[in-house]
Amino acid sequence: MSVTTTTPLLAAESATKLRARRGLAVYFAVLVPLSALFEAMMISGNTSWVLALMWTPAVASVVARLLLREGFADVSFRVGGHRGWKAIGTALIFPTILGLVAYGIAWTTGLVQFNPKLIRFATAYVGDTFSPIMTFLINLAVASTVVTFYGVRTAAGEEIGWRGYMLTRFIDAGVPMPILTSGLIWGLWHVPLILGGVYLVGPPPILAALLFIVTATAFSFVFARLRLETGSVWPAITLHSAWNAIIQSAFDPASKGAGMELWIGESGILVALTMIVAAFVFSCGRWTIRRASGEQQEADTARAGMKQFVALSIATVMVFALAVPARGDEASEAPNLTSRGAVLPRDLIIPLSAVKEILPEMSRETATGQDETAVGKPKGTRSVTYATADGSQKVVISIDQYPSRVQASSAYEQAFQMSEKVPGAKGEPVSDLGQQAFIGVATQGKETHVGAGALYGDLIVTVTLQGYDGTKQNKAKVTAMIRKQAAKKIP
């Protein structure tokens, strides 16, 4: 090839890299602050912003396309003929296959119990008198169809940005190991929500975040092949929606047991290992990058780093897996990591404005997350702490939701007995609060706590005043706060 031929090619390649890098600069300039804003709002308790957050990648890509006049052809909303439909079919069955492997190992080895219950979407179509296996299959059928179709509205927001723009721009910009890099960014994007107790609650947040990053990065190779081989964004959207629907609506509800989040779910050890294997399988063979213009190129450089990632990821996950049983006598304490269940939505706790109606001195929220004092095995908890401006007085409001009324009643009795054993505590039953209730006063050092707990069906509601004297007036404020919290509808 002559110099006169190579020079224009090099110039065109250089121009492509420059355009892609400019696009990425605009993309991240929009993505990062918007994501930080919405995630901060969700961590503070307003989970209604989840839809806006999931559409942030798409919005960032649209802004970049408009500002740089890139157009929208390469998003490729066309299915892409037989190749595209085949990829969509693969996307629909992939979560089921991976779930059967990862969750199946957990169920058959006894790490997790197989105990499916009909999901809300399924009860609209059938009764609730089926065997466990039939119940699971019904959930799986509904999740694979109705729930997957419904989930496209949110999955599209992410995939139009992640695989529809960021991945292809990484490749054009000459970013080293673009698929691996895009997967790491996708995983890290979720980390604030995990550490903030909004997403993937169960194992210690740092452990959950690390395992999720491994799973997401491995998953990105599956997304990339479906996206790049077809030149269409629809397989990626389908895969994202199907994964959320099938795993969260079929496999997760069929799984029970203390400590199960260590093994299954999007931050589970078995899911991470299975996804690594899937990523390796999808990376094998020869595959190409298809463009909207019909141009094709080899994808070998795009999938670089796969072998190193597999080796490092398997080593990391195996360390976590081996560390669980290697804790010896401490292994019996493992359920405590997850026995408090998921973190319930923040908006289930009454807001500061409602608290100020009873305690006008309260001025700010200082903490929220799991109820660390929950007893038994609730399926979800939430605790919120409000304080005065100087922090000298606080009120802690908690709700613990149990799988059944019987379990809630048992946990209530256990909590009541534990309260009677607190040194210096003085408690008494409250007859007109919930089905059962007690209130007590305890002095810890120089600080006095006035606390009460009440049973409402499958819920236990507790309120504790810190830095208040144990007067009748303060006891009345505690009971009034419990009534106000209990009046809030809990699904």
Protein backbone atom coordinates (compact mmCIF):
# COMPACT_ATOMS: atom_id res chain seq x y z
CA MET A 1 0.00 0.00 0.00
CA SER A 2 1.43 3.36 -0.96
CA VAL A 3 1.96 6.38 1.25
CA THR A 4 -0.64 8.29 -0.72
CA THR A 5 -3.19 5.60 0.21
CA THR A 6 -2.30 5.27 3.88
CA THR A 7 -2.19 8.98 4.62
CA PRO A 8 -5.93 9.63 4.06
CA LEU A 9 -6.74 6.47 6.03
CA LEU A 10 -4.65 7.62 8.98
CA ALA A 11 -6.21 11.07 8.79
CA ALA A 12 -9.72 9.60 8.77
CA GLU A 13 -8.88 7.34 11.71
CA SER A 14 -7.45 10.27 13.64
CA ALA A 15 -10.58 12.35 12.94
CA THR A 16 -12.81 9.48 14.11
CA LYS A 17 -10.87 9.21 17.38
CA LEU A 18 -11.07 12.95 17.94
CA ARG A 19 -14.85 13.04 17.35
CA ALA A 20 -15.38 10.07 19.66
CA ARG A 21 -13.30 11.60 22.43
CA ARG A 22 -15.20 14.88 22.18
CA GLY A 23 -18.45 12.95 22.36
CA LEU A 24 -17.29 11.07 25.46
CA ALA A 25 -16.25 14.33 27.11
CA VAL A 26 -19.73 15.81 26.63
CA TYR A 27 -21.39 12.51 27.58
CA PHE A 28 -19.60 12.24 30.93
CA ALA A 29 -19.97 15.97 31.60
CA VAL A 30 -23.74 15.42 31.59
CA LEU A 31 -23.85 11.88 33.01
CA VAL A 32 -21.74 12.39 36.15
CA PRO A 33 -23.46 15.41 37.74
CA LEU A 34 -26.98 14.25 36.84
CA SER A 35 -26.32 10.76 38.21
CA ALA A 36 -24.81 12.21 41.39
CA LEU A 37 -27.87 14.41 41.88
CA PHE A 38 -30.44 11.64 41.41
CA GLU A 39 -28.49 9.08 43.43
CA ALA A 40 -28.09 11.55 46.30
CA MET A 41 -31.83 12.16 46.30
CA MET A 42 -32.51 8.42 46.33
CA ILE A 43 -30.04 7.80 49.15
CA SER A 44 -31.72 10.54 51.16
CA GLY A 45 -34.96 8.56 50.92
CA ASN A 46 -36.78 9.78 47.81
CA THR A 47 -36.67 6.61 45.70
CA SER A 48 -39.17 8.02 43.21
CA TRP A 49 -36.20 9.39 41.24
CA VAL A 50 -35.17 5.92 40.06
CA LEU A 51 -36.77 6.38 36.63
CA ALA A 52 -34.96 9.68 36.10
CA LEU A 53 -31.68 8.05 37.13
CA MET A 54 -32.11 5.14 34.73
CA TRP A 55 -32.72 7.54 31.85
CA THR A 56 -29.66 9.65 32.67
CA PRO A 57 -27.30 7.70 30.35
CA ALA A 58 -29.74 8.16 27.45
CA VAL A 59 -30.14 11.87 28.18
CA ALA A 60 -26.36 12.31 28.30
CA SER A 61 -25.99 10.59 24.93
CA VAL A 62 -28.71 12.72 23.34
CA VAL A 63 -27.04 15.92 24.58
CA ALA A 64 -23.70 14.78 23.14
CA ARG A 65 -25.27 13.89 19.78
CA LEU A 66 -27.09 17.20 19.51
CA LEU A 67 -24.20 19.40 20.59
CA LEU A 68 -21.71 17.69 18.30
CA ARG A 69 -24.23 17.11 15.49
CA GLU A 70 -23.47 13.40 15.43
CA GLY A 71 -26.94 12.28 14.47
CA PHE A 72 -28.75 9.19 15.74
CA ALA A 73 -28.23 6.66 12.96
CA ASP A 74 -25.60 4.63 14.83
CA VAL A 75 -27.95 4.00 17.78
CA SER A 76 -29.65 1.67 15.33
CA PHE A 77 -33.22 1.26 16.47
CA ARG A 78 -33.65 -1.20 13.62
CA VAL A 79 -33.81 -4.82 14.73
CA GLY A 80 -31.36 -5.89 12.05
CA GLY A 81 -33.17 -8.75 10.35
CA HIS A 82 -32.63 -12.42 11.24
CA ARG A 83 -29.42 -11.68 13.12
CA GLY A 84 -31.18 -9.12 15.30
CA TRP A 85 -34.17 -11.33 16.09
CA LYS A 86 -31.83 -14.19 16.99
CA ALA A 87 -29.96 -11.90 19.38
CA ILE A 88 -33.23 -10.75 20.97
CA GLY A 89 -34.20 -14.40 21.46
CA THR A 90 -30.85 -15.04 23.13
CA ALA A 91 -31.39 -12.01 25.34
CA LEU A 92 -34.77 -13.34 26.47
CA ILE A 93 -33.51 -16.79 27.48
CA PHE A 94 -30.08 -15.85 28.85
CA PRO A 95 -31.31 -14.76 32.34
CA THR A 96 -33.27 -17.99 32.75
CA ILE A 97 -30.29 -20.17 31.82
CA LEU A 98 -27.91 -18.31 34.10
CA GLY A 99 -30.48 -18.26 36.90
CA LEU A 100 -31.08 -22.00 36.65
CA VAL A 101 -27.34 -22.62 36.95
CA ALA A 102 -26.48 -20.16 39.74
CA TYR A 103 -29.69 -20.39 41.77
CA GLY A 104 -30.01 -24.11 41.01
CA ILE A 105 -26.64 -24.75 42.65
CA ALA A 106 -27.72 -22.70 45.66
CA TRP A 107 -31.03 -24.57 45.98
CA THR A 108 -29.66 -28.08 45.48
CA THR A 109 -26.72 -27.63 47.85
CA GLY A 110 -28.91 -26.21 50.61
CA LEU A 111 -27.17 -22.83 50.68
CA VAL A 112 -30.56 -21.30 49.88
CA GLN A 113 -34.08 -22.67 50.32
CA PHE A 114 -36.39 -23.11 47.33
CA ASN A 115 -39.68 -21.61 48.52
CA PRO A 116 -41.45 -19.71 45.71
CA LYS A 117 -44.49 -17.52 46.24
CA LEU A 118 -46.63 -16.11 43.47
CA ILE A 119 -45.61 -12.59 42.56
CA ARG A 120 -48.20 -9.82 42.33
CA PHE A 121 -48.23 -9.82 38.52
CA ALA A 122 -48.88 -13.58 38.48
CA THR A 123 -51.80 -13.54 40.92
CA ALA A 124 -53.72 -11.45 38.43
CA TYR A 125 -53.81 -14.43 36.06
CA VAL A 126 -53.92 -17.56 38.25
CA GLY A 127 -54.82 -18.74 41.74
CA ASP A 128 -52.41 -19.50 44.56
CA THR A 129 -52.86 -23.25 45.16
CA PHE A 130 -50.02 -24.60 43.01
CA SER A 131 -47.03 -26.73 43.93
CA PRO A 132 -43.69 -24.95 44.50
CA ILE A 133 -42.33 -25.94 41.10
CA MET A 134 -45.51 -24.89 39.28
CA THR A 135 -45.53 -21.62 41.23
CA PHE A 136 -41.96 -20.94 40.12
CA LEU A 137 -42.77 -21.75 36.50
CA ILE A 138 -45.78 -19.42 36.54
CA ASN A 139 -43.64 -16.63 38.00
CA LEU A 140 -40.98 -17.32 35.37
CA ALA A 141 -43.52 -17.22 32.52
CA VAL A 142 -45.03 -13.94 33.70
CA ALA A 143 -41.60 -12.40 34.35
CA SER A 144 -40.33 -13.45 30.91
CA THR A 145 -43.27 -11.83 29.14
CA VAL A 146 -45.38 -9.26 30.97
CA VAL A 147 -42.73 -7.97 33.38
CA THR A 148 -40.00 -7.94 30.72
CA PHE A 149 -42.17 -5.96 28.31
CA TYR A 150 -43.05 -3.50 31.08
CA GLY A 151 -39.40 -3.11 32.05
CA VAL A 152 -38.32 -1.93 28.60
CA ARG A 153 -39.34 1.61 29.53
CA THR A 154 -36.54 1.79 32.11
CA ALA A 155 -33.98 -0.54 30.54
CA ALA A 156 -34.00 1.54 27.35
CA GLY A 157 -32.88 4.59 29.30
CA GLU A 158 -29.68 2.85 30.35
CA GLU A 159 -28.90 0.92 27.18
CA ILE A 160 -29.36 3.82 24.76
CA GLY A 161 -26.58 5.48 26.75
CA TRP A 162 -24.32 2.62 27.87
CA ARG A 163 -24.24 0.33 24.83
CA GLY A 164 -25.90 2.66 22.34
CA TYR A 165 -23.33 5.42 22.81
CA MET A 166 -20.59 4.97 25.42
CA LEU A 167 -19.37 1.55 24.26
CA THR A 168 -19.16 2.44 20.59
CA ARG A 169 -17.43 5.74 21.38
CA PHE A 170 -14.88 3.93 23.54
CA ILE A 171 -14.08 1.69 20.57
CA ASP A 172 -13.85 4.61 18.12
CA ALA A 173 -11.74 6.66 20.55
CA GLY A 174 -9.18 3.87 20.84
CA VAL A 175 -9.76 3.42 24.57
CA PRO A 176 -7.81 0.34 25.74
CA MET A 177 -10.03 -2.67 26.51
CA PRO A 178 -13.26 -0.74 25.74
CA ILE A 179 -15.72 -3.49 26.71
CA LEU A 180 -13.96 -4.10 30.01
CA THR A 181 -13.75 -0.36 30.69
CA SER A 182 -17.41 0.21 29.87
CA GLY A 183 -18.41 -2.64 32.19
CA LEU A 184 -16.39 -1.22 35.07
CA ILE A 185 -18.02 2.19 34.62
CA TRP A 186 -21.47 0.61 34.47
CA GLY A 187 -20.78 -1.28 37.69
CA LEU A 188 -19.29 1.74 39.49
CA TRP A 189 -22.35 3.79 38.53
CA HIS A 190 -24.40 1.58 40.90
CA VAL A 191 -21.94 1.65 43.82
CA PRO A 192 -23.23 4.81 45.59
CA LEU A 193 -26.72 3.26 45.77
CA ILE A 194 -25.26 0.03 47.18
CA LEU A 195 -23.15 1.81 49.80
CA GLY A 196 -26.09 4.09 50.58
CA GLY A 197 -28.32 1.14 51.46
CA VAL A 198 -30.75 1.67 48.58
CA TYR A 199 -29.72 -1.20 46.28
CA LEU A 200 -28.59 -4.80 46.88
CA VAL A 201 -29.02 -4.78 50.64
CA GLY A 202 -27.87 -7.90 52.46
CA PRO A 203 -24.14 -8.55 52.65
CA PRO A 204 -21.84 -5.82 53.99
CA PRO A 205 -22.11 -2.93 51.50
CA ILE A 206 -18.42 -3.03 50.48
CA LEU A 207 -18.63 -6.77 49.77
CA ALA A 208 -21.88 -6.31 47.84
CA ALA A 209 -20.35 -3.48 45.80
CA LEU A 210 -17.22 -5.47 44.90
CA LEU A 211 -19.17 -8.55 43.85
CA PHE A 212 -21.64 -6.46 41.87
CA ILE A 213 -18.80 -4.77 39.96
CA VAL A 214 -17.43 -8.21 39.05
CA THR A 215 -20.88 -9.36 37.88
CA ALA A 216 -21.61 -6.16 35.94
CA THR A 217 -18.21 -6.14 34.24
CA ALA A 218 -18.58 -9.77 33.19
CA PHE A 219 -22.14 -9.10 32.04
CA SER A 220 -20.90 -6.25 29.85
CA PHE A 221 -19.20 -8.77 27.52
CA VAL A 222 -22.57 -10.45 26.93
CA PHE A 223 -24.21 -7.08 26.26
CA ALA A 224 -21.37 -6.04 23.99
CA ARG A 225 -21.53 -9.08 21.75
CA LEU A 226 -25.28 -8.80 21.26
CA ARG A 227 -25.00 -5.07 20.59
CA LEU A 228 -21.92 -5.05 18.36
CA GLU A 229 -22.64 -8.20 16.34
CA THR A 230 -26.11 -6.96 15.37
CA GLY A 231 -25.45 -3.24 15.13
CA SER A 232 -28.76 -2.78 16.97
CA VAL A 233 -29.48 -1.50 20.46
CA TRP A 234 -32.64 -3.62 20.83
CA PRO A 235 -30.92 -6.85 21.94
CA ALA A 236 -29.17 -4.93 24.73
CA ILE A 237 -32.43 -3.31 25.84
CA THR A 238 -34.17 -6.68 25.77
CA LEU A 239 -31.40 -8.36 27.77
CA HIS A 240 -31.38 -5.62 30.41
CA SER A 241 -35.15 -5.70 30.83
CA ALA A 242 -35.33 -9.51 30.84
CA TRP A 243 -32.55 -9.77 33.40
CA ASN A 244 -34.24 -7.37 35.81
CA ALA A 245 -37.61 -9.03 35.34
CA ILE A 246 -36.61 -12.70 35.47
CA ILE A 247 -34.01 -12.56 38.22
CA GLN A 248 -35.90 -10.15 40.44
CA SER A 249 -39.43 -11.47 39.81
CA ALA A 250 -38.86 -15.22 39.39
CA PHE A 251 -35.60 -16.38 40.93
CA ASP A 252 -35.24 -14.00 43.90
CA PRO A 253 -38.82 -14.55 45.20
CA ALA A 254 -38.24 -18.33 45.03
CA SER A 255 -35.24 -18.09 47.35
CA LYS A 256 -35.33 -17.96 51.12
CA GLY A 257 -32.88 -18.35 53.96
CA ALA A 258 -30.56 -16.38 56.19
CA GLY A 259 -27.43 -15.27 54.37
CA MET A 260 -28.83 -16.03 50.93
CA GLU A 261 -27.68 -12.67 49.53
CA LEU A 262 -24.09 -13.85 49.93
CA TRP A 263 -24.71 -16.52 47.29
CA ILE A 264 -27.43 -15.29 44.94
CA GLY A 265 -28.77 -12.02 43.59
CA GLU A 266 -26.78 -9.49 41.61
CA SER A 267 -24.10 -9.37 44.33
CA GLY A 268 -24.13 -13.10 45.04
CA ILE A 269 -21.00 -15.24 44.81
CA LEU A 270 -22.63 -17.95 42.68
CA VAL A 271 -24.14 -15.42 40.28
CA ALA A 272 -20.79 -13.67 39.89
CA LEU A 273 -18.97 -16.93 39.13
CA THR A 274 -21.64 -18.05 36.65
CA MET A 275 -21.59 -14.67 34.92
CA ILE A 276 -17.80 -14.85 34.54
CA VAL A 277 -18.18 -18.20 32.78
CA ALA A 278 -20.92 -16.77 30.57
CA ALA A 279 -18.72 -13.79 29.68
CA PHE A 280 -15.91 -16.12 28.65
CA VAL A 281 -18.27 -18.20 26.50
CA PHE A 282 -19.71 -15.14 24.76
CA SER A 283 -16.22 -13.82 24.07
CA CYS A 284 -15.10 -16.95 22.26
CA GLY A 285 -15.08 -17.30 18.51
CA ARG A 286 -14.87 -14.69 15.80
CA TRP A 287 -17.23 -11.75 15.94
CA THR A 288 -17.45 -8.38 14.30
CA ILE A 289 -18.65 -4.87 14.96
CA ARG A 290 -21.50 -3.91 12.66
CA ARG A 291 -22.23 -0.28 11.91
CA ALA A 292 -25.44 1.39 10.78
CA SER A 293 -23.69 2.17 7.48
CA GLY A 294 -23.08 -1.54 6.87
CA GLU A 295 -19.37 -1.26 7.67
CA GLN A 296 -17.85 -4.15 9.65
CA GLN A 297 -14.65 -4.51 11.62
CA GLU A 298 -13.01 -7.16 13.77
CA ALA A 299 -13.84 -7.01 17.46
CA ASP A 300 -10.63 -8.61 18.77
CA THR A 301 -9.22 -5.35 20.12
CA ALA A 302 -12.59 -4.38 21.62
CA ARG A 303 -12.77 -7.53 23.74
CA ALA A 304 -9.14 -7.32 24.86
CA GLY A 305 -8.46 -7.97 28.52
CA MET A 306 -11.01 -10.76 28.80
CA LYS A 307 -8.58 -13.45 29.91
CA GLN A 308 -6.98 -11.23 32.54
CA PHE A 309 -10.39 -10.19 33.82
CA VAL A 310 -11.58 -13.78 34.10
CA ALA A 311 -8.51 -14.86 36.04
CA LEU A 312 -8.58 -11.91 38.41
CA SER A 313 -12.35 -12.04 38.94
CA ILE A 314 -12.45 -15.77 39.66
CA ALA A 315 -9.61 -15.36 42.15
CA THR A 316 -11.41 -12.47 43.86
CA VAL A 317 -14.77 -14.21 44.07
CA MET A 318 -13.21 -17.47 45.29
CA VAL A 319 -11.51 -15.59 48.11
CA PHE A 320 -14.92 -14.31 49.22
CA ALA A 321 -16.48 -17.76 48.81
CA LEU A 322 -13.77 -19.54 50.78
CA ALA A 323 -13.80 -16.88 53.50
CA VAL A 324 -17.43 -17.63 54.39
CA PRO A 325 -16.98 -21.19 55.69
CA ALA A 326 -13.41 -20.50 56.81
CA ARG A 327 -14.64 -18.34 59.65
CA GLY A 328 -15.08 -21.38 61.85
CA ASP A 329 -17.14 -20.69 64.93
CA GLU A 330 -17.98 -17.27 63.59
CA ALA A 331 -19.89 -18.90 60.73
CA SER A 332 -22.89 -19.31 62.98
CA GLU A 333 -23.06 -15.55 63.16
CA ALA A 334 -23.22 -15.13 59.38
CA PRO A 335 -27.03 -14.83 59.29
CA ASN A 336 -26.72 -11.63 61.30
CA LEU A 337 -25.30 -9.99 58.16
CA THR A 338 -28.59 -10.44 56.37
CA SER A 339 -31.15 -11.29 59.01
CA ARG A 340 -32.53 -7.77 58.92
CA GLY A 341 -33.65 -8.30 55.35
CA ALA A 342 -33.83 -5.61 52.72
CA VAL A 343 -33.90 -1.91 53.44
CA LEU A 344 -37.47 -0.69 53.04
CA PRO A 345 -38.03 2.52 51.03
CA ARG A 346 -37.16 5.69 52.89
CA ASP A 347 -40.52 7.30 52.19
CA LEU A 348 -42.25 4.71 54.40
CA ILE A 349 -40.99 6.63 57.43
CA ILE A 350 -42.83 9.84 58.26
CA PRO A 351 -41.00 12.98 57.07
CA LEU A 352 -39.44 15.70 59.19
CA SER A 353 -42.50 17.92 58.77
CA ALA A 354 -44.68 15.29 60.45
CA VAL A 355 -42.13 14.77 63.23
CA LYS A 356 -42.04 18.52 63.94
CA GLU A 357 -45.78 18.46 64.66
CA ILE A 358 -44.94 16.50 67.82
CA LEU A 359 -41.31 17.49 68.35
CA PRO A 360 -40.94 21.03 66.93
CA GLU A 361 -37.35 21.21 68.14
CA MET A 362 -36.23 18.67 65.52
CA SER A 363 -34.50 20.37 62.60
CA ARG A 364 -32.73 17.77 60.45
CA GLU A 365 -32.36 14.16 59.43
CA THR A 366 -29.00 12.73 60.47
CA ALA A 367 -29.11 9.04 59.55
CA THR A 368 -31.14 6.44 57.71
CA GLY A 369 -30.72 2.79 56.75
CA GLN A 370 -31.38 -0.63 58.20
CA ASP A 371 -32.81 -0.96 61.69
CA GLU A 372 -29.76 -2.35 63.47
CA THR A 373 -31.85 -3.22 66.54
CA ALA A 374 -34.34 -5.45 64.67
CA VAL A 375 -34.84 -8.91 66.13
CA GLY A 376 -35.90 -12.16 64.49
CA LYS A 377 -35.78 -12.36 60.70
CA PRO A 378 -37.69 -9.46 59.15
CA LYS A 379 -37.97 -9.31 55.38
CA GLY A 380 -37.26 -5.58 55.46
CA THR A 381 -36.45 -2.76 57.85
CA ARG A 382 -35.92 0.98 57.80
CA SER A 383 -34.70 3.36 60.47
CA VAL A 384 -34.48 7.16 60.36
CA THR A 385 -32.88 9.46 62.93
CA TYR A 386 -33.86 13.10 63.34
CA ALA A 387 -32.00 15.56 65.59
CA THR A 388 -32.04 19.06 66.95
CA ALA A 389 -29.70 21.66 65.48
CA ASP A 390 -27.03 21.03 68.14
CA GLY A 391 -27.53 17.26 68.12
CA SER A 392 -28.27 17.07 71.84
CA GLN A 393 -31.69 15.48 71.33
CA LYS A 394 -32.71 12.86 68.80
CA VAL A 395 -35.63 10.69 67.81
CA VAL A 396 -35.18 7.35 66.07
CA ILE A 397 -38.15 5.93 64.14
CA SER A 398 -37.97 2.35 62.87
CA ILE A 399 -40.26 -0.09 61.08
CA ASP A 400 -39.57 -3.82 60.77
CA GLN A 401 -41.72 -5.84 58.36
CA TYR A 402 -41.91 -9.63 58.77
CA PRO A 403 -43.00 -12.38 56.36
CA SER A 404 -46.06 -13.10 58.50
CA ARG A 405 -48.06 -11.87 61.46
CA VAL A 406 -46.92 -14.90 63.47
CA GLN A 407 -43.25 -14.06 62.94
CA ALA A 408 -43.88 -10.42 63.77
CA SER A 409 -45.64 -11.40 67.00
CA SER A 410 -42.78 -13.73 67.94
CA ALA A 411 -40.21 -11.00 67.25
CA TYR A 412 -42.25 -8.55 69.34
CA GLU A 413 -42.27 -10.91 72.31
CA GLN A 414 -38.52 -11.42 71.95
CA ALA A 415 -37.93 -7.66 71.83
CA PHE A 416 -40.14 -7.15 74.90
CA GLN A 417 -38.19 -9.75 76.86
CA MET A 418 -34.88 -8.22 75.82
CA SER A 419 -36.03 -4.77 76.96
CA GLU A 420 -36.79 -6.11 80.43
CA LYS A 421 -33.19 -7.27 80.78
CA VAL A 422 -31.66 -3.84 80.06
CA PRO A 423 -29.97 -2.62 83.28
CA GLY A 424 -31.86 0.26 84.87
CA ALA A 425 -34.73 0.04 82.39
CA LYS A 426 -38.29 0.49 83.54
CA GLY A 427 -41.01 -0.67 81.16
CA GLU A 428 -44.76 -1.04 81.08
CA PRO A 429 -47.38 -2.24 78.58
CA VAL A 430 -49.52 0.23 76.65
CA SER A 431 -53.09 -0.93 76.21
CA ASP A 432 -54.32 1.37 73.44
CA LEU A 433 -51.42 1.18 71.00
CA GLY A 434 -51.46 -1.41 68.25
CA GLN A 435 -52.25 -5.05 69.00
CA GLN A 436 -49.51 -5.07 71.64
CA ALA A 437 -47.21 -2.34 72.83
CA PHE A 438 -44.77 -1.44 75.56
CA ILE A 439 -42.93 1.72 76.59
CA GLY A 440 -39.89 2.10 78.77
CA VAL A 441 -37.24 4.45 80.08
CA ALA A 442 -33.55 3.59 80.29
CA THR A 443 -30.52 5.60 81.32
CA GLN A 444 -27.28 4.97 79.44
CA GLY A 445 -24.46 6.94 81.03
CA LYS A 446 -25.65 10.52 81.27
CA GLU A 447 -28.31 10.11 78.60
CA THR A 448 -31.88 8.98 79.11
CA HIS A 449 -33.81 7.13 76.40
CA VAL A 450 -37.58 6.96 76.20
CA GLY A 451 -38.64 4.23 73.81
CA ALA A 452 -41.71 2.27 72.78
CA GLY A 453 -42.54 -0.54 70.39
CA ALA A 454 -45.89 -1.58 68.97
CA LEU A 455 -47.10 -4.53 66.94
CA TYR A 456 -49.31 -3.87 63.91
CA GLY A 457 -49.98 -7.07 61.97
CA ASP A 458 -46.73 -8.00 60.25
CA LEU A 459 -45.06 -4.75 61.34
CA ILE A 460 -43.23 -3.63 64.46
CA VAL A 461 -42.98 0.14 64.86
CA THR A 462 -40.52 1.58 67.36
CA VAL A 463 -39.78 5.15 68.42
CA THR A 464 -36.98 6.19 70.77
CA LEU A 465 -36.27 9.64 72.18
CA GLN A 466 -32.64 10.25 73.07
CA GLY A 467 -31.66 13.03 75.45
CA TYR A 468 -35.16 13.41 76.91
CA ASP A 469 -36.33 12.87 80.50
CA GLY A 470 -38.66 9.97 81.20
CA THR A 471 -41.69 12.15 81.94
CA LYS A 472 -45.31 11.35 81.15
CA GLN A 473 -45.30 14.14 78.58
CA ASN A 474 -42.36 12.61 76.73
CA LYS A 475 -43.92 9.16 76.90
CA ALA A 476 -47.05 10.65 75.37
CA LYS A 477 -44.96 12.13 72.57
CA VAL A 478 -43.46 8.71 71.84
CA THR A 479 -46.86 7.03 71.62
CA ALA A 480 -48.19 9.86 69.47
CA MET A 481 -45.24 9.41 67.12
CA ILE A 482 -45.91 5.68 66.86
CA ARG A 483 -49.56 6.31 66.01
CA LYS A 484 -48.56 8.79 63.33
CA GLN A 485 -46.05 6.35 61.85
CA ALA A 486 -48.51 3.41 62.04
CA ALA A 487 -51.09 5.47 60.15
CA LYS A 488 -48.76 5.58 57.16
CA LYS A 489 -49.65 2.90 54.61
CA ILE A 490 -47.05 0.13 54.33
CA PRO A 491 -47.40 -2.20 51.32
